[in-house]
Amino acid sequence: MNSHPGSLSTNNEDRICVITNLNKSILKDTQISFFSIYDGKNGVAKAEYFRDHFHNVLIKDKDFHRDLETSIKRSILLM
């Protein structure tokens, strides 16, 4: 991972989330991995909130296994 804070800040406020078995499947072939980066340029609180909660909202969406794009859009609106 490469991160450059730019000229305005010396702290990186981005947050990442890595979950290697999001759906908690015991079968390796059906496990779903989740990787995300949240931009904290407008403050770290929102990035941390999304890091801690977005994946939980996403996996509960009714179309998560059928239509991921729709699930992502709907989950963002719920946040």
N, C-alpha and C. Protein backbone atom coordinates (compact mmCIF):
# COMPACT_ATOMS: atom_id res chain seq x y z
N MET A 1 0.84 -1.16 0.00
CA MET A 1 0.00 0.00 0.00
C MET A 1 0.89 1.23 0.00
N ASN A 2 0.51 2.23 -0.77
CA ASN A 2 1.24 3.48 -0.83
C ASN A 2 0.30 4.61 -0.49
N SER A 3 0.72 5.48 0.38
CA SER A 3 -0.12 6.60 0.79
C SER A 3 0.74 7.84 0.92
N HIS A 4 0.31 8.91 0.30
CA HIS A 4 1.04 10.16 0.38
C HIS A 4 0.11 11.22 0.97
N PRO A 5 0.49 11.85 2.08
CA PRO A 5 -0.40 12.79 2.75
C PRO A 5 -0.61 14.11 2.01
N GLY A 6 0.16 14.40 0.99
CA GLY A 6 0.02 15.66 0.27
C GLY A 6 0.66 16.80 1.04
N SER A 7 0.45 18.01 0.54
CA SER A 7 1.12 19.16 1.15
C SER A 7 0.30 19.82 2.26
N LEU A 8 -0.96 19.45 2.43
CA LEU A 8 -1.80 20.10 3.42
C LEU A 8 -1.79 19.42 4.78
N SER A 9 -1.41 18.19 4.84
CA SER A 9 -1.51 17.44 6.09
C SER A 9 -0.31 16.53 6.25
N THR A 10 0.08 16.32 7.49
CA THR A 10 1.16 15.37 7.74
C THR A 10 0.62 14.04 8.21
N ASN A 11 -0.69 13.95 8.45
CA ASN A 11 -1.31 12.71 8.90
C ASN A 11 -2.18 12.13 7.80
N ASN A 12 -2.11 10.82 7.65
CA ASN A 12 -2.98 10.15 6.70
C ASN A 12 -4.28 9.80 7.43
N GLU A 13 -5.39 10.33 6.94
CA GLU A 13 -6.68 10.10 7.59
C GLU A 13 -7.51 9.03 6.88
N ASP A 14 -6.94 8.38 5.88
CA ASP A 14 -7.64 7.29 5.20
C ASP A 14 -7.72 6.09 6.13
N ARG A 15 -8.74 5.28 5.93
CA ARG A 15 -8.92 4.07 6.72
C ARG A 15 -9.16 2.90 5.78
N ILE A 16 -8.68 1.73 6.16
CA ILE A 16 -8.88 0.53 5.35
C ILE A 16 -9.61 -0.53 6.16
N CYS A 17 -10.25 -1.43 5.43
CA CYS A 17 -10.93 -2.56 6.05
C CYS A 17 -10.62 -3.80 5.21
N VAL A 18 -10.13 -4.84 5.85
CA VAL A 18 -9.83 -6.10 5.18
C VAL A 18 -10.49 -7.22 5.98
N ILE A 19 -11.41 -7.92 5.33
CA ILE A 19 -12.08 -9.06 5.97
C ILE A 19 -11.97 -10.23 5.00
N THR A 20 -11.33 -11.29 5.41
CA THR A 20 -11.07 -12.40 4.50
C THR A 20 -12.19 -13.43 4.43
N ASN A 21 -13.14 -13.39 5.34
CA ASN A 21 -14.27 -14.32 5.29
C ASN A 21 -15.53 -13.59 5.76
N LEU A 22 -15.98 -12.66 4.93
CA LEU A 22 -17.10 -11.79 5.28
C LEU A 22 -18.37 -12.57 5.59
N ASN A 23 -18.65 -13.58 4.80
CA ASN A 23 -19.89 -14.35 4.99
C ASN A 23 -19.74 -15.51 5.98
N LYS A 24 -18.58 -15.61 6.61
CA LYS A 24 -18.30 -16.62 7.64
C LYS A 24 -18.61 -18.05 7.18
N SER A 25 -18.25 -18.33 5.95
CA SER A 25 -18.45 -19.66 5.39
C SER A 25 -17.33 -20.60 5.83
N ILE A 26 -17.69 -21.84 6.12
CA ILE A 26 -16.66 -22.82 6.48
C ILE A 26 -16.07 -23.47 5.23
N LEU A 27 -16.73 -23.29 4.09
CA LEU A 27 -16.24 -23.83 2.82
C LEU A 27 -15.37 -22.78 2.13
N LYS A 28 -14.12 -23.11 1.92
CA LYS A 28 -13.16 -22.16 1.34
C LYS A 28 -13.63 -21.61 0.00
N ASP A 29 -14.27 -22.43 -0.83
CA ASP A 29 -14.69 -22.01 -2.16
C ASP A 29 -15.84 -21.00 -2.14
N THR A 30 -16.55 -20.88 -1.03
CA THR A 30 -17.68 -19.96 -0.98
C THR A 30 -17.41 -18.74 -0.09
N GLN A 31 -16.21 -18.63 0.44
CA GLN A 31 -15.87 -17.48 1.28
C GLN A 31 -15.77 -16.22 0.42
N ILE A 32 -16.19 -15.12 0.99
CA ILE A 32 -16.15 -13.83 0.30
C ILE A 32 -15.19 -12.92 1.06
N SER A 33 -14.23 -12.35 0.34
CA SER A 33 -13.30 -11.40 0.94
C SER A 33 -13.76 -9.99 0.65
N PHE A 34 -13.51 -9.10 1.57
CA PHE A 34 -13.94 -7.70 1.46
C PHE A 34 -12.74 -6.81 1.73
N PHE A 35 -12.43 -5.94 0.77
CA PHE A 35 -11.32 -4.99 0.90
C PHE A 35 -11.85 -3.60 0.56
N SER A 36 -11.59 -2.64 1.42
CA SER A 36 -12.09 -1.28 1.16
C SER A 36 -11.12 -0.23 1.70
N ILE A 37 -11.15 0.92 1.04
CA ILE A 37 -10.37 2.08 1.46
C ILE A 37 -11.34 3.25 1.56
N TYR A 38 -11.33 3.93 2.69
CA TYR A 38 -12.22 5.06 2.92
C TYR A 38 -11.39 6.33 3.04
N ASP A 39 -11.71 7.31 2.21
CA ASP A 39 -10.97 8.56 2.14
C ASP A 39 -11.37 9.45 3.32
N GLY A 40 -10.40 9.83 4.12
CA GLY A 40 -10.66 10.65 5.30
C GLY A 40 -10.35 12.11 5.10
N LYS A 41 -10.33 12.59 3.85
CA LYS A 41 -9.91 13.97 3.61
C LYS A 41 -10.84 15.01 4.25
N ASN A 42 -12.09 14.66 4.48
CA ASN A 42 -13.01 15.59 5.14
C ASN A 42 -13.16 15.28 6.62
N GLY A 43 -12.23 14.56 7.16
CA GLY A 43 -12.26 14.20 8.58
C GLY A 43 -12.25 12.70 8.76
N VAL A 44 -11.58 12.29 9.77
CA VAL A 44 -11.37 10.87 9.99
C VAL A 44 -12.62 10.17 10.54
N ALA A 45 -13.52 10.89 11.18
CA ALA A 45 -14.68 10.25 11.83
C ALA A 45 -15.55 9.49 10.84
N LYS A 46 -15.84 10.08 9.69
CA LYS A 46 -16.69 9.41 8.70
C LYS A 46 -15.98 8.20 8.12
N ALA A 47 -14.69 8.32 7.85
CA ALA A 47 -13.91 7.19 7.32
C ALA A 47 -13.90 6.04 8.32
N GLU A 48 -13.75 6.36 9.59
CA GLU A 48 -13.75 5.31 10.62
C GLU A 48 -15.13 4.68 10.76
N TYR A 49 -16.18 5.48 10.66
CA TYR A 49 -17.53 4.94 10.75
C TYR A 49 -17.80 3.95 9.61
N PHE A 50 -17.45 4.34 8.38
CA PHE A 50 -17.62 3.44 7.24
C PHE A 50 -16.76 2.20 7.40
N ARG A 51 -15.53 2.34 7.84
CA ARG A 51 -14.64 1.19 8.05
C ARG A 51 -15.26 0.18 9.01
N ASP A 52 -15.89 0.69 10.05
CA ASP A 52 -16.43 -0.18 11.10
C ASP A 52 -17.80 -0.75 10.80
N HIS A 53 -18.58 -0.12 9.89
CA HIS A 53 -19.98 -0.52 9.73
C HIS A 53 -20.43 -0.89 8.31
N PHE A 54 -19.78 -0.35 7.29
CA PHE A 54 -20.29 -0.54 5.93
C PHE A 54 -20.44 -2.01 5.54
N HIS A 55 -19.46 -2.83 5.83
CA HIS A 55 -19.50 -4.23 5.43
C HIS A 55 -20.68 -4.97 6.09
N ASN A 56 -21.04 -4.57 7.31
CA ASN A 56 -22.19 -5.19 7.97
C ASN A 56 -23.50 -4.84 7.28
N VAL A 57 -23.63 -3.59 6.86
CA VAL A 57 -24.83 -3.17 6.13
C VAL A 57 -24.88 -3.87 4.77
N LEU A 58 -23.75 -3.93 4.10
CA LEU A 58 -23.68 -4.54 2.77
C LEU A 58 -24.08 -6.01 2.77
N ILE A 59 -23.55 -6.78 3.67
CA ILE A 59 -23.83 -8.22 3.66
C ILE A 59 -25.28 -8.54 4.03
N LYS A 60 -25.94 -7.60 4.70
CA LYS A 60 -27.36 -7.81 5.06
C LYS A 60 -28.32 -7.44 3.94
N ASP A 61 -27.80 -6.80 2.89
CA ASP A 61 -28.66 -6.40 1.78
C ASP A 61 -29.23 -7.63 1.08
N LYS A 62 -30.50 -7.55 0.70
CA LYS A 62 -31.21 -8.70 0.12
C LYS A 62 -30.62 -9.16 -1.21
N ASP A 63 -29.94 -8.29 -1.93
CA ASP A 63 -29.38 -8.66 -3.23
C ASP A 63 -27.87 -8.88 -3.20
N PHE A 64 -27.30 -8.97 -2.03
CA PHE A 64 -25.85 -9.06 -1.91
C PHE A 64 -25.25 -10.17 -2.77
N HIS A 65 -25.85 -11.33 -2.79
CA HIS A 65 -25.28 -12.46 -3.54
C HIS A 65 -25.68 -12.47 -5.01
N ARG A 66 -26.65 -11.65 -5.40
CA ARG A 66 -27.13 -11.65 -6.79
C ARG A 66 -26.70 -10.43 -7.58
N ASP A 67 -26.71 -9.26 -6.93
CA ASP A 67 -26.44 -8.01 -7.63
C ASP A 67 -25.62 -7.10 -6.73
N LEU A 68 -24.33 -7.30 -6.76
CA LEU A 68 -23.43 -6.60 -5.85
C LEU A 68 -23.44 -5.08 -6.07
N GLU A 69 -23.49 -4.66 -7.31
CA GLU A 69 -23.48 -3.22 -7.59
C GLU A 69 -24.69 -2.52 -6.95
N THR A 70 -25.87 -3.11 -7.10
CA THR A 70 -27.07 -2.55 -6.48
C THR A 70 -26.96 -2.57 -4.97
N SER A 71 -26.42 -3.64 -4.42
CA SER A 71 -26.25 -3.75 -2.97
C SER A 71 -25.32 -2.68 -2.42
N ILE A 72 -24.25 -2.42 -3.13
CA ILE A 72 -23.30 -1.39 -2.70
C ILE A 72 -23.97 -0.01 -2.71
N LYS A 73 -24.66 0.30 -3.80
CA LYS A 73 -25.34 1.60 -3.89
C LYS A 73 -26.38 1.76 -2.78
N ARG A 74 -27.17 0.75 -2.58
CA ARG A 74 -28.22 0.82 -1.55
C ARG A 74 -27.60 0.93 -0.15
N SER A 75 -26.52 0.21 0.09
CA SER A 75 -25.87 0.25 1.40
C SER A 75 -25.26 1.61 1.69
N ILE A 76 -24.69 2.24 0.68
CA ILE A 76 -24.15 3.59 0.86
C ILE A 76 -25.25 4.56 1.26
N LEU A 77 -26.40 4.45 0.63
CA LEU A 77 -27.52 5.34 0.96
C LEU A 77 -28.02 5.11 2.38
N LEU A 78 -27.90 3.90 2.89
CA LEU A 78 -28.35 3.59 4.24
C LEU A 78 -27.39 4.11 5.30
N MET A 79 -26.16 4.36 4.91
CA MET A 79 -25.15 4.82 5.87
C MET A 79 -25.40 6.27 6.16
